[in-house]
Amino acid sequence: MKFVLILLCCWLPFVANAQETLTLDWIDLIPEKERQLFDQQGMPFVDHENDQTALQKRMGTVRPELDGSEVKIPGFVIPLEGDENTITEFLLVPYFGACIHVPPPPPNQIIYVKFPKGAPVQQLWDVVYVVGKLNVQTVEHELAETGYLLHGTLIEEYDDAG
């Protein structure tokens, strides 16, 4: 009986600290209040000829309750740092070509990913899942401003089943 109690006492902290990985869709990064605006007014008009900063600030708020969550989210990779074999920093975006075309998506639709161990370049041409710890943090880059920072630990092949 003592053995079981000792084992339970030693094992319980590990179970309590285990964090479930949330599989997110891009809409999950948008606060509910902002989503309701879409329902009422439709998607905002994007003017490619003029500055969209005010629109992005109004429509790009983040969800602070996601800070520190272990997440899995699909997206397209825009490489930022690395070499010919691996990429260590990149932007994750919801659709192909985002940030390459102006204007970029709002900050809550761009995730800055730091992947210290490096992701193989050949694995990043199609949509992928990125798994890691999500932080609500503004990162400014010349391509775009992001509302989230993801400390990536794993890249998985995308499948529709999730």
N, C-alpha and C. Protein backbone atom coordinates (compact mmCIF):
# COMPACT_ATOMS: atom_id res chain seq x y z
N MET A 1 0.82 -1.20 0.00
CA MET A 1 0.00 0.00 0.00
C MET A 1 0.87 1.26 0.00
N LYS A 2 1.97 1.23 0.79
CA LYS A 2 2.88 2.38 0.82
C LYS A 2 3.44 2.64 -0.57
N PHE A 3 3.79 1.56 -1.25
CA PHE A 3 4.35 1.68 -2.59
C PHE A 3 3.39 2.41 -3.52
N VAL A 4 2.11 2.06 -3.45
CA VAL A 4 1.09 2.68 -4.30
C VAL A 4 0.95 4.16 -3.97
N LEU A 5 0.96 4.50 -2.69
CA LEU A 5 0.86 5.91 -2.29
C LEU A 5 2.07 6.72 -2.75
N ILE A 6 3.24 6.15 -2.61
CA ILE A 6 4.45 6.84 -3.04
C ILE A 6 4.43 7.02 -4.56
N LEU A 7 4.06 5.98 -5.25
CA LEU A 7 3.98 6.06 -6.71
C LEU A 7 2.97 7.11 -7.14
N LEU A 8 1.82 7.13 -6.49
CA LEU A 8 0.78 8.10 -6.80
C LEU A 8 1.26 9.52 -6.54
N CYS A 9 1.94 9.74 -5.43
CA CYS A 9 2.45 11.06 -5.08
C CYS A 9 3.51 11.54 -6.07
N CYS A 10 4.31 10.63 -6.56
CA CYS A 10 5.36 10.99 -7.51
C CYS A 10 4.80 11.19 -8.92
N TRP A 11 3.80 10.44 -9.27
CA TRP A 11 3.24 10.46 -10.62
C TRP A 11 2.24 11.60 -10.82
N LEU A 12 1.50 11.95 -9.79
CA LEU A 12 0.43 12.95 -9.88
C LEU A 12 0.92 14.31 -10.38
N PRO A 13 2.05 14.84 -9.90
CA PRO A 13 2.48 16.14 -10.43
C PRO A 13 2.74 16.14 -11.93
N PHE A 14 3.22 15.03 -12.47
CA PHE A 14 3.44 14.95 -13.91
C PHE A 14 2.13 14.98 -14.67
N VAL A 15 1.14 14.29 -14.16
CA VAL A 15 -0.17 14.27 -14.80
C VAL A 15 -0.83 15.64 -14.71
N ALA A 16 -0.67 16.29 -13.56
CA ALA A 16 -1.28 17.62 -13.37
C ALA A 16 -0.65 18.65 -14.31
N ASN A 17 0.64 18.49 -14.61
CA ASN A 17 1.32 19.44 -15.47
C ASN A 17 1.16 19.13 -16.95
N ALA A 18 0.70 17.93 -17.26
CA ALA A 18 0.49 17.57 -18.67
C ALA A 18 -0.58 18.48 -19.25
N GLN A 19 -0.29 19.03 -20.42
CA GLN A 19 -1.21 19.96 -21.03
C GLN A 19 -1.72 19.37 -22.33
N GLU A 20 -3.00 19.42 -22.50
CA GLU A 20 -3.60 18.89 -23.71
C GLU A 20 -3.31 19.82 -24.88
N THR A 21 -3.02 19.25 -26.03
CA THR A 21 -2.77 20.05 -27.24
C THR A 21 -4.10 20.39 -27.88
N LEU A 22 -4.33 21.67 -28.09
CA LEU A 22 -5.55 22.14 -28.75
C LEU A 22 -5.32 22.19 -30.25
N THR A 23 -6.19 21.57 -31.02
CA THR A 23 -6.12 21.70 -32.47
C THR A 23 -6.99 22.89 -32.84
N LEU A 24 -6.35 23.90 -33.42
CA LEU A 24 -7.04 25.14 -33.74
C LEU A 24 -7.25 25.30 -35.23
N ASP A 25 -8.30 26.01 -35.57
CA ASP A 25 -8.50 26.54 -36.91
C ASP A 25 -8.19 28.02 -36.82
N TRP A 26 -7.98 28.67 -37.93
CA TRP A 26 -7.61 30.09 -37.91
C TRP A 26 -8.70 30.96 -37.30
N ILE A 27 -9.94 30.59 -37.47
CA ILE A 27 -11.04 31.37 -36.88
C ILE A 27 -10.95 31.37 -35.36
N ASP A 28 -10.33 30.33 -34.78
CA ASP A 28 -10.20 30.24 -33.33
C ASP A 28 -9.25 31.30 -32.76
N LEU A 29 -8.43 31.91 -33.60
CA LEU A 29 -7.51 32.96 -33.15
C LEU A 29 -8.18 34.33 -33.08
N ILE A 30 -9.39 34.42 -33.57
CA ILE A 30 -10.14 35.68 -33.59
C ILE A 30 -11.09 35.70 -32.40
N PRO A 31 -11.07 36.77 -31.59
CA PRO A 31 -12.00 36.86 -30.46
C PRO A 31 -13.46 36.81 -30.92
N GLU A 32 -14.31 36.27 -30.08
CA GLU A 32 -15.73 36.11 -30.40
C GLU A 32 -16.38 37.44 -30.80
N LYS A 33 -16.04 38.50 -30.10
CA LYS A 33 -16.62 39.82 -30.39
C LYS A 33 -16.31 40.26 -31.83
N GLU A 34 -15.09 39.98 -32.26
CA GLU A 34 -14.70 40.33 -33.63
C GLU A 34 -15.40 39.43 -34.65
N ARG A 35 -15.58 38.16 -34.30
CA ARG A 35 -16.30 37.24 -35.20
C ARG A 35 -17.74 37.68 -35.39
N GLN A 36 -18.34 38.22 -34.34
CA GLN A 36 -19.72 38.70 -34.44
C GLN A 36 -19.83 39.87 -35.40
N LEU A 37 -18.79 40.71 -35.47
CA LEU A 37 -18.77 41.80 -36.44
C LEU A 37 -18.83 41.25 -37.86
N PHE A 38 -18.10 40.16 -38.13
CA PHE A 38 -18.14 39.54 -39.45
C PHE A 38 -19.56 39.07 -39.77
N ASP A 39 -20.23 38.48 -38.77
CA ASP A 39 -21.59 37.99 -38.98
C ASP A 39 -22.55 39.14 -39.30
N GLN A 40 -22.34 40.28 -38.65
CA GLN A 40 -23.23 41.43 -38.83
C GLN A 40 -22.92 42.23 -40.08
N GLN A 41 -21.61 42.45 -40.33
CA GLN A 41 -21.21 43.36 -41.39
C GLN A 41 -20.57 42.67 -42.59
N GLY A 42 -20.30 41.38 -42.47
CA GLY A 42 -19.57 40.68 -43.52
C GLY A 42 -18.09 40.95 -43.38
N MET A 43 -17.30 40.30 -44.20
CA MET A 43 -15.85 40.51 -44.17
C MET A 43 -15.54 41.94 -44.57
N PRO A 44 -14.56 42.56 -43.91
CA PRO A 44 -14.23 43.94 -44.26
C PRO A 44 -13.63 44.04 -45.66
N PHE A 45 -13.90 45.13 -46.32
CA PHE A 45 -13.37 45.39 -47.65
C PHE A 45 -11.87 45.65 -47.54
N VAL A 46 -11.10 45.01 -48.37
CA VAL A 46 -9.65 45.21 -48.39
C VAL A 46 -9.32 46.07 -49.60
N ASP A 47 -8.76 47.24 -49.33
CA ASP A 47 -8.37 48.18 -50.37
C ASP A 47 -6.87 48.01 -50.61
N HIS A 48 -6.49 47.41 -51.71
CA HIS A 48 -5.08 47.15 -52.01
C HIS A 48 -4.32 48.42 -52.39
N GLU A 49 -5.03 49.51 -52.63
CA GLU A 49 -4.39 50.75 -53.06
C GLU A 49 -4.03 51.66 -51.90
N ASN A 50 -4.66 51.51 -50.75
CA ASN A 50 -4.45 52.44 -49.64
C ASN A 50 -3.99 51.72 -48.38
N ASP A 51 -3.57 52.51 -47.40
CA ASP A 51 -3.08 51.98 -46.12
C ASP A 51 -4.23 51.29 -45.37
N GLN A 52 -3.98 50.08 -44.90
CA GLN A 52 -4.98 49.29 -44.20
C GLN A 52 -4.70 49.19 -42.70
N THR A 53 -3.79 50.02 -42.18
CA THR A 53 -3.36 49.91 -40.79
C THR A 53 -4.53 50.02 -39.82
N ALA A 54 -5.40 51.00 -39.98
CA ALA A 54 -6.53 51.18 -39.06
C ALA A 54 -7.45 49.97 -39.09
N LEU A 55 -7.74 49.45 -40.28
CA LEU A 55 -8.58 48.27 -40.41
C LEU A 55 -7.94 47.08 -39.71
N GLN A 56 -6.65 46.87 -39.92
CA GLN A 56 -5.97 45.74 -39.30
C GLN A 56 -5.98 45.83 -37.79
N LYS A 57 -5.78 47.02 -37.24
CA LYS A 57 -5.78 47.18 -35.78
C LYS A 57 -7.17 46.90 -35.21
N ARG A 58 -8.20 47.36 -35.91
CA ARG A 58 -9.57 47.17 -35.42
C ARG A 58 -10.01 45.71 -35.57
N MET A 59 -9.54 45.06 -36.63
CA MET A 59 -9.99 43.71 -36.93
C MET A 59 -8.93 42.66 -36.63
N GLY A 60 -7.89 42.99 -35.89
CA GLY A 60 -6.82 42.03 -35.68
C GLY A 60 -6.50 41.75 -34.22
N THR A 61 -7.51 41.86 -33.34
CA THR A 61 -7.25 41.62 -31.93
C THR A 61 -7.04 40.14 -31.66
N VAL A 62 -6.40 39.84 -30.54
CA VAL A 62 -6.02 38.46 -30.21
C VAL A 62 -6.85 37.94 -29.04
N ARG A 63 -6.67 36.66 -28.76
CA ARG A 63 -7.36 36.00 -27.64
C ARG A 63 -6.36 35.72 -26.53
N PRO A 64 -6.31 36.58 -25.50
CA PRO A 64 -5.32 36.43 -24.44
C PRO A 64 -5.43 35.10 -23.69
N GLU A 65 -6.60 34.49 -23.68
CA GLU A 65 -6.77 33.22 -22.96
C GLU A 65 -6.02 32.06 -23.62
N LEU A 66 -5.56 32.26 -24.85
CA LEU A 66 -4.77 31.22 -25.52
C LEU A 66 -3.30 31.26 -25.12
N ASP A 67 -2.87 32.31 -24.43
CA ASP A 67 -1.47 32.46 -24.06
C ASP A 67 -0.99 31.27 -23.23
N GLY A 68 0.09 30.66 -23.66
CA GLY A 68 0.67 29.52 -22.96
C GLY A 68 0.09 28.17 -23.34
N SER A 69 -0.86 28.14 -24.27
CA SER A 69 -1.49 26.89 -24.69
C SER A 69 -0.59 26.09 -25.62
N GLU A 70 -0.66 24.77 -25.49
CA GLU A 70 -0.04 23.87 -26.46
C GLU A 70 -1.04 23.72 -27.60
N VAL A 71 -0.63 24.07 -28.81
CA VAL A 71 -1.57 24.07 -29.93
C VAL A 71 -1.01 23.32 -31.13
N LYS A 72 -1.94 22.98 -32.01
CA LYS A 72 -1.63 22.39 -33.31
C LYS A 72 -2.49 23.15 -34.31
N ILE A 73 -1.85 23.75 -35.32
CA ILE A 73 -2.61 24.55 -36.27
C ILE A 73 -2.04 24.35 -37.68
N PRO A 74 -2.93 24.23 -38.66
CA PRO A 74 -2.44 24.08 -40.04
C PRO A 74 -2.14 25.44 -40.64
N GLY A 75 -1.25 25.46 -41.62
CA GLY A 75 -0.99 26.72 -42.30
C GLY A 75 0.10 26.58 -43.35
N PHE A 76 0.34 27.69 -44.01
CA PHE A 76 1.40 27.78 -45.02
C PHE A 76 2.58 28.53 -44.42
N VAL A 77 3.77 28.13 -44.82
CA VAL A 77 5.01 28.67 -44.26
C VAL A 77 5.60 29.73 -45.17
N ILE A 78 5.99 30.85 -44.55
CA ILE A 78 6.77 31.87 -45.25
C ILE A 78 8.11 31.93 -44.52
N PRO A 79 9.16 31.36 -45.11
CA PRO A 79 10.47 31.28 -44.44
C PRO A 79 11.07 32.65 -44.16
N LEU A 80 11.69 32.78 -42.98
CA LEU A 80 12.37 34.01 -42.60
C LEU A 80 13.84 33.79 -42.28
N GLU A 81 14.13 32.75 -41.49
CA GLU A 81 15.51 32.47 -41.06
C GLU A 81 15.83 31.00 -41.29
N GLY A 82 17.08 30.73 -41.61
CA GLY A 82 17.52 29.36 -41.80
C GLY A 82 18.55 29.29 -42.90
N ASP A 83 18.75 28.10 -43.41
CA ASP A 83 19.69 27.90 -44.51
C ASP A 83 19.02 27.06 -45.60
N GLU A 84 19.83 26.52 -46.52
CA GLU A 84 19.25 25.76 -47.63
C GLU A 84 18.62 24.44 -47.20
N ASN A 85 18.90 23.98 -45.97
CA ASN A 85 18.37 22.70 -45.51
C ASN A 85 17.25 22.81 -44.48
N THR A 86 17.34 23.80 -43.61
CA THR A 86 16.35 23.93 -42.54
C THR A 86 15.92 25.38 -42.35
N ILE A 87 14.73 25.52 -41.82
CA ILE A 87 14.18 26.84 -41.51
C ILE A 87 13.95 26.90 -40.00
N THR A 88 14.46 27.96 -39.38
CA THR A 88 14.34 28.08 -37.91
C THR A 88 13.33 29.13 -37.48
N GLU A 89 12.99 30.05 -38.36
CA GLU A 89 11.95 31.05 -38.06
C GLU A 89 11.14 31.27 -39.32
N PHE A 90 9.81 31.36 -39.13
CA PHE A 90 8.94 31.57 -40.28
C PHE A 90 7.61 32.15 -39.83
N LEU A 91 6.88 32.67 -40.80
CA LEU A 91 5.51 33.10 -40.56
C LEU A 91 4.60 31.96 -40.98
N LEU A 92 3.61 31.68 -40.16
CA LEU A 92 2.58 30.71 -40.51
C LEU A 92 1.32 31.49 -40.82
N VAL A 93 0.75 31.24 -42.00
CA VAL A 93 -0.41 32.00 -42.46
C VAL A 93 -1.51 31.04 -42.93
N PRO A 94 -2.75 31.52 -42.97
CA PRO A 94 -3.88 30.62 -43.27
C PRO A 94 -4.07 30.26 -44.73
N TYR A 95 -3.48 31.02 -45.64
CA TYR A 95 -3.67 30.72 -47.05
C TYR A 95 -2.40 31.01 -47.83
N PHE A 96 -2.24 30.34 -48.94
CA PHE A 96 -1.06 30.48 -49.78
C PHE A 96 -0.95 31.91 -50.30
N GLY A 97 0.22 32.48 -50.19
CA GLY A 97 0.45 33.82 -50.73
C GLY A 97 0.23 34.95 -49.75
N ALA A 98 -0.28 34.66 -48.56
CA ALA A 98 -0.49 35.71 -47.57
C ALA A 98 0.86 36.32 -47.22
N CYS A 99 0.90 37.61 -47.02
CA CYS A 99 2.10 38.39 -46.69
C CYS A 99 2.97 38.66 -47.91
N ILE A 100 2.83 37.88 -48.95
CA ILE A 100 3.57 38.15 -50.17
C ILE A 100 2.81 39.24 -50.95
N HIS A 101 1.49 39.12 -50.92
CA HIS A 101 0.64 40.13 -51.55
C HIS A 101 0.29 41.16 -50.49
N VAL A 102 0.10 42.40 -50.91
CA VAL A 102 -0.20 43.48 -49.99
C VAL A 102 -1.69 43.74 -50.04
N PRO A 103 -2.36 44.03 -48.94
CA PRO A 103 -1.84 44.05 -47.58
C PRO A 103 -1.81 42.65 -46.98
N PRO A 104 -1.02 42.48 -45.92
CA PRO A 104 -0.99 41.17 -45.26
C PRO A 104 -2.28 40.96 -44.46
N PRO A 105 -2.52 39.73 -44.03
CA PRO A 105 -3.69 39.48 -43.17
C PRO A 105 -3.54 40.26 -41.85
N PRO A 106 -4.63 40.39 -41.09
CA PRO A 106 -4.54 41.06 -39.79
C PRO A 106 -3.63 40.28 -38.83
N PRO A 107 -3.12 40.94 -37.79
CA PRO A 107 -2.17 40.29 -36.87
C PRO A 107 -2.68 39.00 -36.24
N ASN A 108 -3.99 38.86 -36.06
CA ASN A 108 -4.49 37.62 -35.46
C ASN A 108 -4.60 36.48 -36.47
N GLN A 109 -4.16 36.73 -37.69
CA GLN A 109 -4.17 35.70 -38.72
C GLN A 109 -2.76 35.41 -39.25
N ILE A 110 -1.77 35.80 -38.45
CA ILE A 110 -0.37 35.52 -38.76
C ILE A 110 0.30 35.08 -37.47
N ILE A 111 1.03 33.99 -37.52
CA ILE A 111 1.76 33.50 -36.35
C ILE A 111 3.25 33.50 -36.68
N TYR A 112 4.03 34.14 -35.83
CA TYR A 112 5.49 34.10 -35.96
C TYR A 112 5.94 32.83 -35.26
N VAL A 113 6.64 31.96 -35.97
CA VAL A 113 7.06 30.67 -35.42
C VAL A 113 8.58 30.65 -35.28
N LYS A 114 9.02 30.28 -34.08
CA LYS A 114 10.44 30.01 -33.84
C LYS A 114 10.57 28.50 -33.68
N PHE A 115 11.40 27.91 -34.50
CA PHE A 115 11.57 26.46 -34.54
C PHE A 115 13.06 26.16 -34.42
N PRO A 116 13.61 26.24 -33.18
CA PRO A 116 15.05 26.17 -32.97
C PRO A 116 15.75 24.96 -33.57
N LYS A 117 15.11 23.79 -33.54
CA LYS A 117 15.79 22.61 -34.08
C LYS A 117 15.80 22.59 -35.61
N GLY A 118 15.05 23.47 -36.22
CA GLY A 118 15.03 23.58 -37.67
C GLY A 118 14.09 22.60 -38.33
N ALA A 119 13.29 23.10 -39.22
CA ALA A 119 12.35 22.29 -39.99
C ALA A 119 12.93 22.05 -41.38
N PRO A 120 12.84 20.83 -41.88
CA PRO A 120 13.36 20.54 -43.22
C PRO A 120 12.64 21.37 -44.28
N VAL A 121 13.40 22.03 -45.13
CA VAL A 121 12.83 22.91 -46.15
C VAL A 121 11.84 22.17 -47.04
N GLN A 122 12.19 20.98 -47.49
CA GLN A 122 11.33 20.25 -48.43
C GLN A 122 9.98 19.88 -47.83
N GLN A 123 9.86 19.92 -46.51
CA GLN A 123 8.60 19.57 -45.86
C GLN A 123 7.65 20.76 -45.79
N LEU A 124 8.09 21.94 -46.20
CA LEU A 124 7.32 23.15 -45.95
C LEU A 124 6.68 23.80 -47.16
N TRP A 125 6.64 23.12 -48.29
CA TRP A 125 6.06 23.74 -49.48
C TRP A 125 4.54 23.66 -49.51
N ASP A 126 3.98 22.66 -48.88
CA ASP A 126 2.53 22.51 -48.82
C ASP A 126 2.05 22.90 -47.43
N VAL A 127 0.75 22.86 -47.24
CA VAL A 127 0.19 23.14 -45.93
C VAL A 127 0.69 22.08 -44.93
N VAL A 128 1.04 22.53 -43.72
CA VAL A 128 1.54 21.64 -42.68
C VAL A 128 0.85 21.98 -41.36
N TYR A 129 0.92 21.06 -40.42
CA TYR A 129 0.53 21.36 -39.04
C TYR A 129 1.78 21.76 -38.29
N VAL A 130 1.68 22.80 -37.49
CA VAL A 130 2.77 23.18 -36.59
C VAL A 130 2.25 23.02 -35.17
N VAL A 131 3.04 22.34 -34.34
CA VAL A 131 2.68 22.07 -32.96
C VAL A 131 3.68 22.79 -32.07
N GLY A 132 3.18 23.39 -30.99
CA GLY A 132 4.07 24.05 -30.04
C GLY A 132 3.31 24.91 -29.06
N LYS A 133 4.07 25.69 -28.30
CA LYS A 133 3.49 26.55 -27.28
C LYS A 133 3.20 27.93 -27.88
N LEU A 134 1.93 28.34 -27.77
CA LEU A 134 1.48 29.60 -28.33
C LEU A 134 1.54 30.70 -27.28
N ASN A 135 2.12 31.84 -27.67
CA ASN A 135 2.12 33.00 -26.80
C ASN A 135 1.41 34.14 -27.51
N VAL A 136 0.63 34.88 -26.75
CA VAL A 136 0.01 36.09 -27.28
C VAL A 136 1.08 37.16 -27.17
N GLN A 137 1.66 37.50 -28.31
CA GLN A 137 2.78 38.44 -28.33
C GLN A 137 2.87 39.08 -29.70
N THR A 138 2.98 40.39 -29.72
CA THR A 138 3.16 41.10 -30.98
C THR A 138 4.61 40.96 -31.43
N VAL A 139 4.78 40.56 -32.68
CA VAL A 139 6.10 40.51 -33.29
C VAL A 139 6.01 41.31 -34.57
N GLU A 140 6.87 42.30 -34.69
CA GLU A 140 6.88 43.12 -35.90
C GLU A 140 8.00 42.67 -36.82
N HIS A 141 7.63 42.42 -38.04
CA HIS A 141 8.58 42.01 -39.07
C HIS A 141 8.29 42.87 -40.29
N GLU A 142 9.27 43.01 -41.16
CA GLU A 142 9.08 43.86 -42.34
C GLU A 142 7.93 43.39 -43.23
N LEU A 143 7.62 42.09 -43.19
CA LEU A 143 6.51 41.58 -44.00
C LEU A 143 5.15 41.82 -43.36
N ALA A 144 5.10 41.77 -42.02
CA ALA A 144 3.81 41.90 -41.34
C ALA A 144 3.99 42.00 -39.84
N GLU A 145 2.95 42.42 -39.18
CA GLU A 145 2.88 42.38 -37.72
C GLU A 145 2.05 41.18 -37.31
N THR A 146 2.55 40.41 -36.35
CA THR A 146 1.82 39.22 -35.91
C THR A 146 1.28 39.44 -34.50
N GLY A 147 0.22 38.74 -34.19
CA GLY A 147 -0.37 38.82 -32.86
C GLY A 147 0.00 37.65 -31.97
N TYR A 148 0.61 36.64 -32.57
CA TYR A 148 0.96 35.42 -31.83
C TYR A 148 2.38 34.99 -32.17
N LEU A 149 3.02 34.38 -31.17
CA LEU A 149 4.34 33.77 -31.33
C LEU A 149 4.20 32.31 -30.92
N LEU A 150 4.66 31.42 -31.78
CA LEU A 150 4.58 29.98 -31.50
C LEU A 150 6.00 29.42 -31.40
N HIS A 151 6.28 28.77 -30.27
CA HIS A 151 7.56 28.09 -30.09
C HIS A 151 7.34 26.66 -30.58
N GLY A 152 7.69 26.42 -31.83
CA GLY A 152 7.40 25.15 -32.49
C GLY A 152 8.25 24.01 -31.98
N THR A 153 7.60 22.86 -31.82
CA THR A 153 8.29 21.64 -31.41
C THR A 153 8.16 20.52 -32.41
N LEU A 154 7.16 20.61 -33.30
CA LEU A 154 6.89 19.53 -34.23
C LEU A 154 6.19 20.07 -35.47
N ILE A 155 6.55 19.53 -36.61
CA ILE A 155 5.84 19.82 -37.86
C ILE A 155 5.32 18.50 -38.37
N GLU A 156 4.02 18.48 -38.69
CA GLU A 156 3.38 17.26 -39.18
C GLU A 156 2.80 17.50 -40.55
N GLU A 157 2.71 16.43 -41.30
CA GLU A 157 2.04 16.48 -42.59
C GLU A 157 0.57 16.78 -42.37
N TYR A 158 0.01 17.63 -43.22
CA TYR A 158 -1.39 18.00 -43.09
C TYR A 158 -2.29 16.92 -43.65
N ASP A 159 -3.37 16.67 -42.95
CA ASP A 159 -4.45 15.83 -43.48
C ASP A 159 -5.76 16.45 -43.03
N ASP A 160 -6.80 16.24 -43.80
CA ASP A 160 -8.10 16.85 -43.52
C ASP A 160 -8.71 16.37 -42.22
N ALA A 161 -8.30 15.21 -41.74
CA ALA A 161 -8.89 14.64 -40.53
C ALA A 161 -8.39 15.34 -39.27
N GLY A 162 -7.24 16.02 -39.35
CA GLY A 162 -6.72 16.75 -38.20
C GLY A 162 -5.90 15.86 -37.35
